[in-house]
Amino acid sequence: AGSAAKTRLLLGALTTEARLKTYIPQDVS
């Protein structure tokens, strides 16, 4: 995931669809 910069686009769209409940980022740091 790193800084999750691009992921915010996905999170915004998925929460707009009103289904997304949980975000699980994985990283080594």
PDB file of all heavy atoms in Angstrom:
ATOM      1  N   ALA A   1       0.803  -1.228   0.000  1.00  0.00           N
ATOM      2  CA  ALA A   1       0.000   0.000   0.000  1.00  0.00           C
ATOM      3  C   ALA A   1       0.834   1.275   0.000  1.00  0.00           C
ATOM      4  O   ALA A   1       0.446   2.277  -0.606  1.00  0.00           O
ATOM      5  CB  ALA A   1      -0.942  -0.002   1.210  1.00  0.00           C
ATOM      6  N   GLY A   2       1.974   1.270   0.694  1.00  0.00           N
ATOM      7  CA  GLY A   2       2.774   2.497   0.766  1.00  0.00           C
ATOM      8  C   GLY A   2       1.962   3.645   1.323  1.00  0.00           C
ATOM      9  O   GLY A   2       1.296   3.522   2.355  1.00  0.00           O
ATOM     10  N   SER A   3       1.969   4.778   0.620  1.00  0.00           N
ATOM     11  CA  SER A   3       1.241   5.967   1.093  1.00  0.00           C
ATOM     12  C   SER A   3      -0.243   5.913   0.740  1.00  0.00           C
ATOM     13  O   SER A   3      -0.999   6.811   1.124  1.00  0.00           O
ATOM     14  CB  SER A   3       1.852   7.227   0.478  1.00  0.00           C
ATOM     15  OG  SER A   3       1.700   7.218  -0.931  1.00  0.00           O
ATOM     16  N   ALA A   4      -0.666   4.899  -0.009  1.00  0.00           N
ATOM     17  CA  ALA A   4      -2.074   4.735  -0.416  1.00  0.00           C
ATOM     18  C   ALA A   4      -2.571   5.919  -1.233  1.00  0.00           C
ATOM     19  O   ALA A   4      -3.763   6.212  -1.240  1.00  0.00           O
ATOM     20  CB  ALA A   4      -2.970   4.505   0.811  1.00  0.00           C
ATOM     21  N   ALA A   5      -1.679   6.582  -1.966  1.00  0.00           N
ATOM     22  CA  ALA A   5      -2.065   7.780  -2.720  1.00  0.00           C
ATOM     23  C   ALA A   5      -3.090   7.449  -3.803  1.00  0.00           C
ATOM     24  O   ALA A   5      -4.156   8.074  -3.878  1.00  0.00           O
ATOM     25  CB  ALA A   5      -0.828   8.427  -3.337  1.00  0.00           C
ATOM     26  N   LYS A   6      -2.777   6.462  -4.661  1.00  0.00           N
ATOM     27  CA  LYS A   6      -3.724   6.106  -5.728  1.00  0.00           C
ATOM     28  C   LYS A   6      -4.969   5.440  -5.156  1.00  0.00           C
ATOM     29  O   LYS A   6      -6.063   5.560  -5.719  1.00  0.00           O
ATOM     30  CB  LYS A   6      -3.056   5.154  -6.720  1.00  0.00           C
ATOM     31  CG  LYS A   6      -2.082   5.815  -7.674  1.00  0.00           C
ATOM     32  CD  LYS A   6      -1.405   4.819  -8.572  1.00  0.00           C
ATOM     33  CE  LYS A   6      -0.471   3.921  -7.826  1.00  0.00           C
ATOM     34  NZ  LYS A   6       0.479   3.180  -8.651  1.00  0.00           N
ATOM     35  N   THR A   7      -4.798   4.754  -4.014  1.00  0.00           N
ATOM     36  CA  THR A   7      -5.906   4.004  -3.452  1.00  0.00           C
ATOM     37  C   THR A   7      -7.054   4.906  -3.033  1.00  0.00           C
ATOM     38  O   THR A   7      -8.203   4.469  -3.002  1.00  0.00           O
ATOM     39  CB  THR A   7      -5.420   3.216  -2.222  1.00  0.00           C
ATOM     40  OG1 THR A   7      -4.151   2.660  -2.522  1.00  0.00           O
ATOM     41  CG2 THR A   7      -6.380   2.107  -1.883  1.00  0.00           C
ATOM     42  N   ARG A   8      -6.754   6.151  -2.718  1.00  0.00           N
ATOM     43  CA  ARG A   8      -7.824   7.065  -2.308  1.00  0.00           C
ATOM     44  C   ARG A   8      -8.867   7.219  -3.414  1.00  0.00           C
ATOM     45  O   ARG A   8     -10.049   7.445  -3.141  1.00  0.00           O
ATOM     46  CB  ARG A   8      -7.237   8.414  -1.903  1.00  0.00           C
ATOM     47  CG  ARG A   8      -6.550   8.370  -0.541  1.00  0.00           C
ATOM     48  CD  ARG A   8      -5.761   9.659  -0.283  1.00  0.00           C
ATOM     49  NE  ARG A   8      -5.331   9.791   1.086  1.00  0.00           N
ATOM     50  CZ  ARG A   8      -4.302   9.133   1.627  1.00  0.00           C
ATOM     51  NH1 ARG A   8      -3.617   8.264   0.889  1.00  0.00           N
ATOM     52  NH2 ARG A   8      -3.952   9.330   2.884  1.00  0.00           N
ATOM     53  N   LEU A   9      -8.428   7.114  -4.677  1.00  0.00           N
ATOM     54  CA  LEU A   9      -9.381   7.147  -5.785  1.00  0.00           C
ATOM     55  C   LEU A   9     -10.344   5.960  -5.683  1.00  0.00           C
ATOM     56  O   LEU A   9     -11.558   6.110  -5.842  1.00  0.00           O
ATOM     57  CB  LEU A   9      -8.642   7.095  -7.120  1.00  0.00           C
ATOM     58  CG  LEU A   9      -7.724   8.270  -7.459  1.00  0.00           C
ATOM     59  CD1 LEU A   9      -6.865   7.937  -8.674  1.00  0.00           C
ATOM     60  CD2 LEU A   9      -8.548   9.527  -7.723  1.00  0.00           C
ATOM     61  N   LEU A  10      -9.788   4.776  -5.417  1.00  0.00           N
ATOM     62  CA  LEU A  10     -10.618   3.584  -5.263  1.00  0.00           C
ATOM     63  C   LEU A  10     -11.527   3.692  -4.046  1.00  0.00           C
ATOM     64  O   LEU A  10     -12.712   3.364  -4.117  1.00  0.00           O
ATOM     65  CB  LEU A  10      -9.730   2.353  -5.106  1.00  0.00           C
ATOM     66  CG  LEU A  10      -9.345   1.556  -6.342  1.00  0.00           C
ATOM     67  CD1 LEU A  10      -8.386   0.444  -5.965  1.00  0.00           C
ATOM     68  CD2 LEU A  10     -10.570   0.993  -7.033  1.00  0.00           C
ATOM     69  N   LEU A  11     -10.958   4.148  -2.943  1.00  0.00           N
ATOM     70  CA  LEU A  11     -11.744   4.260  -1.718  1.00  0.00           C
ATOM     71  C   LEU A  11     -12.915   5.214  -1.908  1.00  0.00           C
ATOM     72  O   LEU A  11     -14.034   4.946  -1.461  1.00  0.00           O
ATOM     73  CB  LEU A  11     -10.858   4.728  -0.557  1.00  0.00           C
ATOM     74  CG  LEU A  11      -9.784   3.740  -0.093  1.00  0.00           C
ATOM     75  CD1 LEU A  11      -8.862   4.391   0.925  1.00  0.00           C
ATOM     76  CD2 LEU A  11     -10.426   2.490   0.505  1.00  0.00           C
ATOM     77  N   GLY A  12     -12.659   6.342  -2.586  1.00  0.00           N
ATOM     78  CA  GLY A  12     -13.727   7.304  -2.840  1.00  0.00           C
ATOM     79  C   GLY A  12     -14.839   6.692  -3.662  1.00  0.00           C
ATOM     80  O   GLY A  12     -16.034   6.834  -3.342  1.00  0.00           O
ATOM     81  N   ALA A  13     -14.470   5.974  -4.735  1.00  0.00           N
ATOM     82  CA  ALA A  13     -15.485   5.372  -5.601  1.00  0.00           C
ATOM     83  C   ALA A  13     -16.223   4.237  -4.892  1.00  0.00           C
ATOM     84  O   ALA A  13     -17.445   4.109  -5.010  1.00  0.00           O
ATOM     85  CB  ALA A  13     -14.833   4.858  -6.876  1.00  0.00           C
ATOM     86  N   LEU A  14     -15.499   3.413  -4.149  1.00  0.00           N
ATOM     87  CA  LEU A  14     -16.123   2.272  -3.492  1.00  0.00           C
ATOM     88  C   LEU A  14     -17.027   2.701  -2.339  1.00  0.00           C
ATOM     89  O   LEU A  14     -18.056   2.070  -2.082  1.00  0.00           O
ATOM     90  CB  LEU A  14     -15.049   1.304  -2.985  1.00  0.00           C
ATOM     91  CG  LEU A  14     -14.309   0.512  -4.070  1.00  0.00           C
ATOM     92  CD1 LEU A  14     -13.055  -0.137  -3.513  1.00  0.00           C
ATOM     93  CD2 LEU A  14     -15.216  -0.551  -4.685  1.00  0.00           C
ATOM     94  N   THR A  15     -16.665   3.767  -1.647  1.00  0.00           N
ATOM     95  CA  THR A  15     -17.551   4.264  -0.583  1.00  0.00           C
ATOM     96  C   THR A  15     -18.763   4.972  -1.172  1.00  0.00           C
ATOM     97  O   THR A  15     -19.844   4.950  -0.582  1.00  0.00           O
ATOM     98  CB  THR A  15     -16.796   5.200   0.379  1.00  0.00           C
ATOM     99  OG1 THR A  15     -16.131   6.226  -0.368  1.00  0.00           O
ATOM    100  CG2 THR A  15     -15.776   4.447   1.208  1.00  0.00           C
ATOM    101  N   THR A  16     -18.606   5.591  -2.332  1.00  0.00           N
ATOM    102  CA  THR A  16     -19.754   6.201  -3.013  1.00  0.00           C
ATOM    103  C   THR A  16     -20.782   5.145  -3.382  1.00  0.00           C
ATOM    104  O   THR A  16     -21.997   5.387  -3.351  1.00  0.00           O
ATOM    105  CB  THR A  16     -19.294   6.946  -4.284  1.00  0.00           C
ATOM    106  OG1 THR A  16     -18.400   7.989  -3.896  1.00  0.00           O
ATOM    107  CG2 THR A  16     -20.475   7.548  -5.036  1.00  0.00           C
ATOM    108  N   GLU A  17     -20.296   3.951  -3.728  1.00  0.00           N
ATOM    109  CA  GLU A  17     -21.200   2.848  -4.027  1.00  0.00           C
ATOM    110  C   GLU A  17     -21.898   2.321  -2.763  1.00  0.00           C
ATOM    111  O   GLU A  17     -22.772   1.487  -2.849  1.00  0.00           O
ATOM    112  CB  GLU A  17     -20.421   1.705  -4.688  1.00  0.00           C
ATOM    113  CG  GLU A  17     -20.019   1.975  -6.127  1.00  0.00           C
ATOM    114  CD  GLU A  17     -21.205   1.991  -7.063  1.00  0.00           C
ATOM    115  OE1 GLU A  17     -22.080   1.107  -6.969  1.00  0.00           O
ATOM    116  OE2 GLU A  17     -21.251   2.918  -7.903  1.00  0.00           O
ATOM    117  N   ALA A  18     -21.447   2.831  -1.595  1.00  0.00           N
ATOM    118  CA  ALA A  18     -22.090   2.564  -0.299  1.00  0.00           C
ATOM    119  C   ALA A  18     -21.966   1.110   0.158  1.00  0.00           C
ATOM    120  O   ALA A  18     -22.708   0.662   1.013  1.00  0.00           O
ATOM    121  CB  ALA A  18     -23.568   2.974  -0.326  1.00  0.00           C
ATOM    122  N   ARG A  19     -21.031   0.376  -0.401  1.00  0.00           N
ATOM    123  CA  ARG A  19     -20.833  -1.006   0.029  1.00  0.00           C
ATOM    124  C   ARG A  19     -19.569  -1.167   0.868  1.00  0.00           C
ATOM    125  O   ARG A  19     -19.487  -2.035   1.730  1.00  0.00           O
ATOM    126  CB  ARG A  19     -20.764  -1.938  -1.180  1.00  0.00           C
ATOM    127  CG  ARG A  19     -22.059  -2.080  -1.956  1.00  0.00           C
ATOM    128  CD  ARG A  19     -21.924  -3.125  -3.044  1.00  0.00           C
ATOM    129  NE  ARG A  19     -21.707  -4.453  -2.483  1.00  0.00           N
ATOM    130  CZ  ARG A  19     -22.668  -5.310  -2.189  1.00  0.00           C
ATOM    131  NH1 ARG A  19     -23.935  -4.979  -2.406  1.00  0.00           N
ATOM    132  NH2 ARG A  19     -22.391  -6.499  -1.696  1.00  0.00           N
ATOM    133  N   LEU A  20     -18.538  -0.366   0.584  1.00  0.00           N
ATOM    134  CA  LEU A  20     -17.247  -0.584   1.228  1.00  0.00           C
ATOM    135  C   LEU A  20     -17.331  -0.303   2.725  1.00  0.00           C
ATOM    136  O   LEU A  20     -17.764   0.769   3.146  1.00  0.00           O
ATOM    137  CB  LEU A  20     -16.169   0.297   0.594  1.00  0.00           C
ATOM    138  CG  LEU A  20     -14.735  -0.076   0.998  1.00  0.00           C
ATOM    139  CD1 LEU A  20     -14.329  -1.398   0.353  1.00  0.00           C
ATOM    140  CD2 LEU A  20     -13.754   1.013   0.603  1.00  0.00           C
ATOM    141  N   LYS A  21     -16.869  -1.268   3.514  1.00  0.00           N
ATOM    142  CA  LYS A  21     -16.896  -1.140   4.970  1.00  0.00           C
ATOM    143  C   LYS A  21     -15.497  -1.110   5.571  1.00  0.00           C
ATOM    144  O   LYS A  21     -15.277  -0.486   6.619  1.00  0.00           O
ATOM    145  CB  LYS A  21     -17.681  -2.301   5.590  1.00  0.00           C
ATOM    146  CG  LYS A  21     -19.136  -2.381   5.169  1.00  0.00           C
ATOM    147  CD  LYS A  21     -19.802  -3.596   5.819  1.00  0.00           C
ATOM    148  CE  LYS A  21     -21.286  -3.663   5.479  1.00  0.00           C
ATOM    149  NZ  LYS A  21     -21.523  -3.927   4.047  1.00  0.00           N
ATOM    150  N   THR A  22     -14.542  -1.797   4.907  1.00  0.00           N
ATOM    151  CA  THR A  22     -13.222  -1.983   5.519  1.00  0.00           C
ATOM    152  C   THR A  22     -12.132  -1.815   4.473  1.00  0.00           C
ATOM    153  O   THR A  22     -12.268  -2.288   3.342  1.00  0.00           O
ATOM    154  CB  THR A  22     -13.101  -3.384   6.147  1.00  0.00           C
ATOM    155  OG1 THR A  22     -14.184  -3.586   7.065  1.00  0.00           O
ATOM    156  CG2 THR A  22     -11.783  -3.554   6.886  1.00  0.00           C
ATOM    157  N   TYR A  23     -11.041  -1.167   4.878  1.00  0.00           N
ATOM    158  CA  TYR A  23      -9.837  -1.055   4.059  1.00  0.00           C
ATOM    159  C   TYR A  23      -8.703  -1.741   4.785  1.00  0.00           C
ATOM    160  O   TYR A  23      -8.430  -1.449   5.957  1.00  0.00           O
ATOM    161  CB  TYR A  23      -9.503   0.416   3.804  1.00  0.00           C
ATOM    162  CG  TYR A  23      -8.175   0.657   3.121  1.00  0.00           C
ATOM    163  CD1 TYR A  23      -7.839  -0.001   1.947  1.00  0.00           C
ATOM    164  CD2 TYR A  23      -7.253   1.560   3.651  1.00  0.00           C
ATOM    165  CE1 TYR A  23      -6.621   0.222   1.317  1.00  0.00           C
ATOM    166  CE2 TYR A  23      -6.038   1.803   3.030  1.00  0.00           C
ATOM    167  CZ  TYR A  23      -5.731   1.134   1.864  1.00  0.00           C
ATOM    168  OH  TYR A  23      -4.519   1.351   1.238  1.00  0.00           O
ATOM    169  N   ILE A  24      -8.029  -2.672   4.091  1.00  0.00           N
ATOM    170  CA  ILE A  24      -6.927  -3.426   4.691  1.00  0.00           C
ATOM    171  C   ILE A  24      -5.659  -3.149   3.888  1.00  0.00           C
ATOM    172  O   ILE A  24      -5.402  -3.808   2.874  1.00  0.00           O
ATOM    173  CB  ILE A  24      -7.235  -4.936   4.722  1.00  0.00           C
ATOM    174  CG1 ILE A  24      -8.514  -5.207   5.503  1.00  0.00           C
ATOM    175  CG2 ILE A  24      -6.063  -5.718   5.322  1.00  0.00           C
ATOM    176  CD1 ILE A  24      -8.989  -6.656   5.458  1.00  0.00           C
ATOM    177  N   PRO A  25      -4.865  -2.164   4.293  1.00  0.00           N
ATOM    178  CA  PRO A  25      -3.588  -1.931   3.602  1.00  0.00           C
ATOM    179  C   PRO A  25      -2.507  -2.849   4.157  1.00  0.00           C
ATOM    180  O   PRO A  25      -2.429  -3.078   5.365  1.00  0.00           O
ATOM    181  CB  PRO A  25      -3.284  -0.467   3.928  1.00  0.00           C
ATOM    182  CG  PRO A  25      -3.927  -0.237   5.267  1.00  0.00           C
ATOM    183  CD  PRO A  25      -5.124  -1.152   5.329  1.00  0.00           C
ATOM    184  N   GLN A  26      -1.671  -3.373   3.259  1.00  0.00           N
ATOM    185  CA  GLN A  26      -0.547  -4.223   3.662  1.00  0.00           C
ATOM    186  C   GLN A  26       0.738  -3.568   3.181  1.00  0.00           C
ATOM    187  O   GLN A  26       0.815  -3.028   2.081  1.00  0.00           O
ATOM    188  CB  GLN A  26      -0.708  -5.621   3.038  1.00  0.00           C
ATOM    189  CG  GLN A  26       0.458  -6.570   3.266  1.00  0.00           C
ATOM    190  CD  GLN A  26       1.599  -6.384   2.266  1.00  0.00           C
ATOM    191  OE1 GLN A  26       1.383  -5.923   1.144  1.00  0.00           O
ATOM    192  NE2 GLN A  26       2.817  -6.694   2.696  1.00  0.00           N
ATOM    193  N   ASP A  27       1.768  -3.608   4.016  1.00  0.00           N
ATOM    194  CA  ASP A  27       3.071  -3.075   3.623  1.00  0.00           C
ATOM    195  C   ASP A  27       4.132  -3.678   4.536  1.00  0.00           C
ATOM    196  O   ASP A  27       3.820  -4.192   5.619  1.00  0.00           O
ATOM    197  CB  ASP A  27       3.089  -1.544   3.721  1.00  0.00           C
ATOM    198  CG  ASP A  27       4.166  -0.924   2.831  1.00  0.00           C
ATOM    199  OD1 ASP A  27       3.894  -0.747   1.623  1.00  0.00           O
ATOM    200  OD2 ASP A  27       5.272  -0.657   3.331  1.00  0.00           O
ATOM    201  N   VAL A  28       5.395  -3.606   4.097  1.00  0.00           N
ATOM    202  CA  VAL A  28       6.492  -4.125   4.938  1.00  0.00           C
ATOM    203  C   VAL A  28       6.930  -3.113   5.983  1.00  0.00           C
ATOM    204  O   VAL A  28       7.575  -3.475   6.965  1.00  0.00           O
ATOM    205  CB  VAL A  28       7.717  -4.539   4.090  1.00  0.00           C
ATOM    206  CG1 VAL A  28       7.362  -5.696   3.171  1.00  0.00           C
ATOM    207  CG2 VAL A  28       8.274  -3.376   3.305  1.00  0.00           C
ATOM    208  N   SER A  29       6.613  -1.839   5.769  1.00  0.00           N
ATOM    209  CA  SER A  29       7.073  -0.780   6.661  1.00  0.00           C
ATOM    210  C   SER A  29       5.986  -0.430   7.667  1.00  0.00           C
ATOM    211  O   SER A  29       4.939   0.122   7.304  1.00  0.00           O
ATOM    212  CB  SER A  29       7.458   0.468   5.863  1.00  0.00           C
ATOM    213  OG  SER A  29       7.658   1.571   6.728  1.00  0.00           O
TER     214      SER A  29
END
